[in-house]
Amino acid sequence: MDSIISLLLPLCLMVVMAGLGLELTIRDFLRVKDNPKVIIVALFCQLVILVAAAFALCVMLKLPPILAVGMMMLAASPGGATANLFSYLFKGDVALNITLTAVNAIISAVTFPLIVNFAIDYFINDGQALGLQFGKVLQVFAIILLPVIAGMLIRHYHQALASRLERFVRVFAIVFLLLIIVGAVVAERANIISYIEQVGLATALFCMMSLSVGYFVPRWFGVANRQAKACAFEIGIHNSTLAMTIALTIMNSAMMAIPAVIYSAFMYIFGVVFGLLLNKFAPSDHTHAA
């Protein structure tokens, strides 16, 4: 049964990542040249500031090593289709979101293993081969990048089919997220309350920091309000499904998936509240030049 689950979970995640690719085109990558400053600032926030913030939370709150690695795995996870939905609902620049998603899909295939290996080396460092060795790195690369490329190819050559598949994959992604959360909770049911007590504050703070950094740092660099909103949701709404699946399968650790499980609840609540606050209080673009 375990071998079947370890096969099915990555396959299901690959379907979700392919669905992300169904929403992307080459034009989304080419738009990088139209907004180079915004892209660079957003990537700096996601890959430097938030990774450092997650590391600081793990150290200051003295998380148990496995949970600390799970937190870093969450921080290493890019945004995705859910971020695009939040941006649409709260009047962000959805085209920019899609561009950031496209760039993140490529970069995270490289940065995710690097960040996770650093976390394992720092927090566990017991001489065991627990990290993402070359074979596991290739698995992560295949799970993240190849399905996205496949989805893009389907959209390029069969746009009508891609449109039909998009609807199916969106529903599938929600069901899969719920199932994987239930699976992780059941696997660690004896300790789940303890884990929530240990990592709940860290995930809540990380979620709030992700959204805040994603919005206010770009604004500090003179990015327009709609684009800053797009950055906030791309950076603040992490792909927790990716973190959970890799924790459960490639890392074979339900405990390592717990930070992403808890974060999944926070990100929807905080994302909605943050979006409503921005719509109510953020200055419009004509009062803040880009």
Protein backbone atom coordinates (compact mmCIF):
# COMPACT_ATOMS: atom_id res chain seq x y z
CA MET A 1 0.00 0.00 0.00
CA ASP A 2 2.80 2.43 0.91
CA SER A 3 4.46 1.86 -2.47
CA ILE A 4 1.17 2.58 -4.25
CA ILE A 5 0.71 5.81 -2.28
CA SER A 6 4.31 6.88 -2.89
CA LEU A 7 3.66 6.45 -6.61
CA LEU A 8 0.20 8.03 -6.73
CA LEU A 9 1.02 11.19 -4.77
CA PRO A 10 3.79 12.40 -7.14
CA LEU A 11 1.62 11.51 -10.13
CA CYS A 12 -1.27 13.53 -8.70
CA LEU A 13 1.06 16.45 -8.00
CA MET A 14 2.33 16.23 -11.57
CA VAL A 15 -1.27 16.57 -12.78
CA VAL A 16 -1.63 19.71 -10.64
CA MET A 17 1.64 21.14 -11.97
CA ALA A 18 0.57 20.30 -15.53
CA GLY A 19 -2.60 22.28 -14.83
CA LEU A 20 -0.38 25.22 -13.96
CA GLY A 21 1.33 24.80 -17.32
CA LEU A 22 -2.04 24.81 -19.08
CA GLU A 23 -2.41 28.45 -17.99
CA LEU A 24 1.02 29.53 -19.27
CA THR A 25 2.37 30.52 -22.68
CA ILE A 26 5.74 31.62 -24.01
CA ARG A 27 4.39 35.19 -23.92
CA ASP A 28 4.23 34.95 -20.13
CA PHE A 29 8.00 34.44 -20.06
CA LEU A 30 8.63 37.14 -22.64
CA ARG A 31 6.76 39.70 -20.51
CA VAL A 32 9.70 39.62 -18.11
CA LYS A 33 11.43 42.23 -20.30
CA ASP A 34 8.44 44.56 -19.81
CA ASN A 35 8.66 44.50 -16.01
CA PRO A 36 12.27 43.62 -15.13
CA LYS A 37 12.34 45.65 -11.91
CA VAL A 38 9.14 44.10 -10.56
CA ILE A 39 10.32 40.58 -11.40
CA ILE A 40 13.71 41.09 -9.74
CA VAL A 41 12.18 42.65 -6.61
CA ALA A 42 9.59 39.87 -6.31
CA LEU A 43 12.17 37.13 -6.74
CA PHE A 44 14.46 38.80 -4.18
CA CYS A 45 11.57 38.88 -1.71
CA GLN A 46 10.72 35.24 -2.29
CA LEU A 47 14.15 33.66 -2.55
CA VAL A 48 16.12 35.81 -0.12
CA ILE A 49 13.96 37.73 2.36
CA LEU A 50 11.36 35.04 3.00
CA VAL A 51 13.81 32.16 3.11
CA ALA A 52 15.86 34.15 5.63
CA ALA A 53 12.69 34.99 7.57
CA ALA A 54 11.62 31.34 7.71
CA PHE A 55 15.10 30.35 8.90
CA ALA A 56 15.00 33.05 11.60
CA LEU A 57 11.58 31.86 12.80
CA CYS A 58 12.82 28.27 13.01
CA VAL A 59 15.83 29.33 15.09
CA MET A 60 14.11 31.88 17.34
CA LEU A 61 11.09 29.66 18.06
CA LYS A 62 13.37 26.63 18.49
CA LEU A 63 11.35 24.33 16.25
CA PRO A 64 12.14 20.61 16.37
CA PRO A 65 14.55 19.76 13.52
CA ILE A 66 12.09 17.87 11.30
CA LEU A 67 9.46 20.61 11.64
CA ALA A 68 12.12 23.24 10.93
CA VAL A 69 13.01 21.46 7.69
CA GLY A 70 9.30 21.34 6.86
CA MET A 71 9.09 25.11 7.39
CA MET A 72 12.06 25.69 5.09
CA MET A 73 10.50 23.37 2.51
CA LEU A 74 7.37 25.53 2.66
CA ALA A 75 9.44 28.70 2.25
CA ALA A 76 11.17 27.16 -0.78
CA SER A 77 7.83 26.40 -2.47
CA PRO A 78 6.83 28.87 -5.19
CA GLY A 79 3.42 30.41 -5.75
CA GLY A 80 0.94 28.92 -8.17
CA ALA A 81 -2.54 29.04 -9.62
CA THR A 82 -4.14 29.91 -6.26
CA ALA A 83 -2.02 33.07 -6.11
CA ASN A 84 -3.37 34.05 -9.52
CA LEU A 85 -6.93 33.56 -8.26
CA PHE A 86 -6.33 35.78 -5.21
CA SER A 87 -4.83 38.45 -7.44
CA TYR A 88 -7.89 38.35 -9.68
CA LEU A 89 -10.31 38.56 -6.75
CA PHE A 90 -8.53 41.53 -5.15
CA LYS A 91 -7.76 43.50 -8.33
CA GLY A 92 -4.06 42.74 -8.70
CA ASP A 93 -2.16 42.57 -11.97
CA VAL A 94 -3.06 39.02 -13.00
CA ALA A 95 -0.81 39.12 -16.09
CA LEU A 96 2.13 39.89 -13.80
CA ASN A 97 1.06 37.05 -11.52
CA ILE A 98 1.12 34.63 -14.41
CA THR A 99 4.54 35.89 -15.47
CA LEU A 100 5.89 35.46 -11.93
CA THR A 101 4.36 31.99 -11.79
CA ALA A 102 6.07 31.07 -15.05
CA VAL A 103 9.46 32.30 -13.85
CA ASN A 104 9.01 30.67 -10.44
CA ALA A 105 8.19 27.31 -12.01
CA ILE A 106 11.61 27.30 -13.69
CA ILE A 107 13.67 28.73 -10.84
CA SER A 108 12.13 26.61 -8.06
CA ALA A 109 13.21 23.41 -9.79
CA VAL A 110 16.76 24.50 -8.87
CA THR A 111 16.27 26.52 -5.68
CA PHE A 112 13.92 24.09 -3.91
CA PRO A 113 16.51 21.28 -3.56
CA LEU A 114 19.23 23.78 -2.57
CA ILE A 115 17.15 25.33 0.23
CA VAL A 116 15.91 21.97 1.52
CA ASN A 117 19.41 20.48 1.55
CA PHE A 118 20.71 23.52 3.44
CA ALA A 119 17.90 23.13 6.00
CA ILE A 120 18.59 19.42 6.48
CA ASP A 121 22.30 20.02 6.84
CA TYR A 122 21.78 22.80 9.40
CA PHE A 123 18.90 21.49 11.50
CA ILE A 124 19.52 17.73 11.38
CA ASN A 125 23.16 17.22 10.38
CA ASP A 126 23.43 13.75 11.93
CA GLY A 127 25.56 12.22 9.23
CA GLN A 128 22.67 10.27 7.72
CA ALA A 129 21.81 10.50 4.05
CA LEU A 130 18.50 12.29 4.61
CA GLY A 131 18.96 15.09 2.11
CA LEU A 132 17.93 15.44 -1.48
CA GLN A 133 20.74 13.54 -3.17
CA PHE A 134 21.17 13.69 -6.93
CA GLY A 135 18.50 11.07 -7.64
CA LYS A 136 15.97 12.84 -5.42
CA VAL A 137 16.90 16.22 -6.92
CA LEU A 138 16.05 14.78 -10.33
CA GLN A 139 12.70 13.62 -8.92
CA VAL A 140 11.94 17.12 -7.62
CA PHE A 141 13.00 18.60 -10.96
CA ALA A 142 10.75 16.16 -12.82
CA ILE A 143 7.77 16.80 -10.53
CA ILE A 144 8.04 20.59 -10.75
CA LEU A 145 9.22 21.36 -14.24
CA LEU A 146 8.35 18.58 -16.70
CA PRO A 147 4.57 18.66 -16.06
CA VAL A 148 4.54 22.44 -16.45
CA ILE A 149 6.27 22.10 -19.82
CA ALA A 150 3.82 19.36 -20.82
CA GLY A 151 0.88 21.60 -19.90
CA MET A 152 2.31 24.47 -21.90
CA LEU A 153 2.76 22.21 -24.94
CA ILE A 154 -0.84 21.05 -24.71
CA ARG A 155 -2.03 24.65 -24.56
CA HIS A 156 0.18 25.62 -27.52
CA TYR A 157 -0.90 22.80 -29.82
CA HIS A 158 -4.42 22.03 -28.54
CA GLN A 159 -5.91 25.17 -27.01
CA ALA A 160 -9.47 23.84 -26.93
CA LEU A 161 -8.33 20.70 -25.11
CA ALA A 162 -6.30 22.83 -22.69
CA SER A 163 -9.38 24.90 -21.84
CA ARG A 164 -11.38 21.76 -21.06
CA LEU A 165 -8.57 20.25 -19.02
CA GLU A 166 -8.11 23.47 -16.98
CA ARG A 167 -11.56 23.14 -15.43
CA PHE A 168 -10.94 19.52 -14.50
CA VAL A 169 -7.49 20.17 -13.04
CA ARG A 170 -8.70 23.08 -10.88
CA VAL A 171 -11.27 20.82 -9.21
CA PHE A 172 -8.72 18.01 -9.01
CA ALA A 173 -6.18 20.33 -7.35
CA ILE A 174 -8.64 21.30 -4.59
CA VAL A 175 -9.64 17.68 -3.94
CA PHE A 176 -5.99 16.57 -3.96
CA LEU A 177 -5.01 19.32 -1.51
CA LEU A 178 -7.77 18.28 0.90
CA LEU A 179 -6.87 14.59 0.62
CA ILE A 180 -3.18 15.16 1.20
CA ILE A 181 -3.94 17.32 4.27
CA VAL A 182 -6.17 14.58 5.65
CA GLY A 183 -3.52 11.96 4.88
CA ALA A 184 -0.78 13.88 6.68
CA VAL A 185 -3.00 14.56 9.69
CA VAL A 186 -4.09 10.91 9.94
CA ALA A 187 -0.50 9.71 9.66
CA GLU A 188 0.52 11.96 12.58
CA ARG A 189 -2.81 11.94 14.44
CA ALA A 190 -1.21 10.91 17.73
CA ASN A 191 1.02 13.99 17.73
CA ILE A 192 -0.96 16.53 15.69
CA ILE A 193 -2.00 18.70 18.65
CA SER A 194 1.59 18.85 19.85
CA TYR A 195 2.79 19.78 16.36
CA ILE A 196 0.20 22.56 16.08
CA GLU A 197 1.41 23.94 19.40
CA GLN A 198 5.03 23.76 18.24
CA VAL A 199 4.71 25.11 14.70
CA GLY A 200 1.33 26.91 14.60
CA LEU A 201 2.77 30.28 15.63
CA ALA A 202 5.66 29.93 13.18
CA THR A 203 3.39 29.17 10.22
CA ALA A 204 0.97 31.98 11.12
CA LEU A 205 3.81 34.50 11.39
CA PHE A 206 5.36 33.22 8.17
CA CYS A 207 2.07 33.58 6.31
CA MET A 208 1.61 37.17 7.51
CA MET A 209 5.24 38.01 6.74
CA SER A 210 4.99 36.53 3.24
CA LEU A 211 1.99 38.65 2.33
CA SER A 212 3.39 41.80 3.95
CA VAL A 213 6.87 41.49 2.44
CA GLY A 214 5.32 40.65 -0.94
CA TYR A 215 3.37 43.91 -0.93
CA PHE A 216 5.34 46.49 1.03
CA VAL A 217 8.84 45.78 -0.30
CA PRO A 218 7.77 46.26 -3.95
CA ARG A 219 5.90 49.41 -2.93
CA TRP A 220 9.05 50.69 -1.25
CA PHE A 221 10.80 50.19 -4.60
CA GLY A 222 8.13 52.28 -6.34
CA VAL A 223 6.07 49.44 -7.79
CA ALA A 224 2.46 50.39 -8.60
CA ASN A 225 -0.35 49.20 -6.31
CA ARG A 226 -1.87 46.62 -8.71
CA GLN A 227 1.54 45.10 -9.41
CA ALA A 228 2.44 45.09 -5.71
CA LYS A 229 -0.79 43.20 -5.01
CA ALA A 230 0.22 40.63 -7.61
CA CYS A 231 3.62 40.29 -5.91
CA ALA A 232 1.98 39.96 -2.49
CA PHE A 233 -0.18 37.02 -3.53
CA GLU A 234 2.51 35.34 -5.62
CA ILE A 235 4.94 35.54 -2.71
CA GLY A 236 2.40 35.14 0.10
CA ILE A 237 0.38 32.18 -1.23
CA HIS A 238 2.89 29.33 -1.35
CA ASN A 239 2.35 26.02 -3.15
CA SER A 240 1.82 24.01 0.03
CA THR A 241 0.66 21.01 -2.03
CA LEU A 242 4.16 20.76 -3.49
CA ALA A 243 5.79 20.92 -0.05
CA MET A 244 3.45 18.32 1.41
CA THR A 245 3.81 15.87 -1.45
CA ILE A 246 7.59 16.00 -1.49
CA ALA A 247 7.68 15.64 2.31
CA LEU A 248 5.39 12.60 2.23
CA THR A 249 6.97 10.85 -0.74
CA ILE A 250 10.53 11.85 -1.60
CA MET A 251 11.42 12.61 2.04
CA ASN A 252 9.06 9.93 3.41
CA SER A 253 8.12 12.06 6.43
CA ALA A 254 4.56 12.92 7.45
CA MET A 255 5.95 15.06 10.26
CA MET A 256 7.88 17.17 7.76
CA ALA A 257 4.60 17.89 5.95
CA ILE A 258 2.88 19.33 9.05
CA PRO A 259 4.05 22.98 8.64
CA ALA A 260 2.59 23.03 5.11
CA VAL A 261 -0.63 21.41 6.38
CA ILE A 262 -1.12 24.09 9.04
CA TYR A 263 -0.05 26.86 6.67
CA SER A 264 -2.67 25.73 4.12
CA ALA A 265 -5.42 26.77 6.54
CA PHE A 266 -3.80 30.09 7.43
CA MET A 267 -3.04 31.17 3.86
CA TYR A 268 -6.69 31.27 2.78
CA ILE A 269 -7.83 33.13 5.89
CA PHE A 270 -4.97 35.62 5.95
CA GLY A 271 -4.99 35.98 2.16
CA VAL A 272 -8.64 37.06 2.14
CA VAL A 273 -8.20 39.44 5.09
CA PHE A 274 -5.05 40.93 3.56
CA GLY A 275 -6.75 41.41 0.20
CA LEU A 276 -9.74 43.13 1.79
CA LEU A 277 -7.47 45.44 3.78
CA LEU A 278 -5.49 46.36 0.67
CA ASN A 279 -8.64 47.14 -1.29
CA LYS A 280 -9.88 49.35 1.54
CA PHE A 281 -6.73 51.18 2.61
CA ALA A 282 -4.05 50.91 -0.11
CA PRO A 283 -3.58 54.09 -2.16
CA SER A 284 -4.62 53.89 -5.79
CA ASP A 285 -1.99 53.90 -8.52
CA HIS A 286 -2.61 57.48 -9.56
CA THR A 287 -1.50 58.61 -6.09
CA HIS A 288 1.70 56.52 -6.23
CA ALA A 289 3.68 56.57 -9.43
CA ALA A 290 5.27 53.32 -10.58
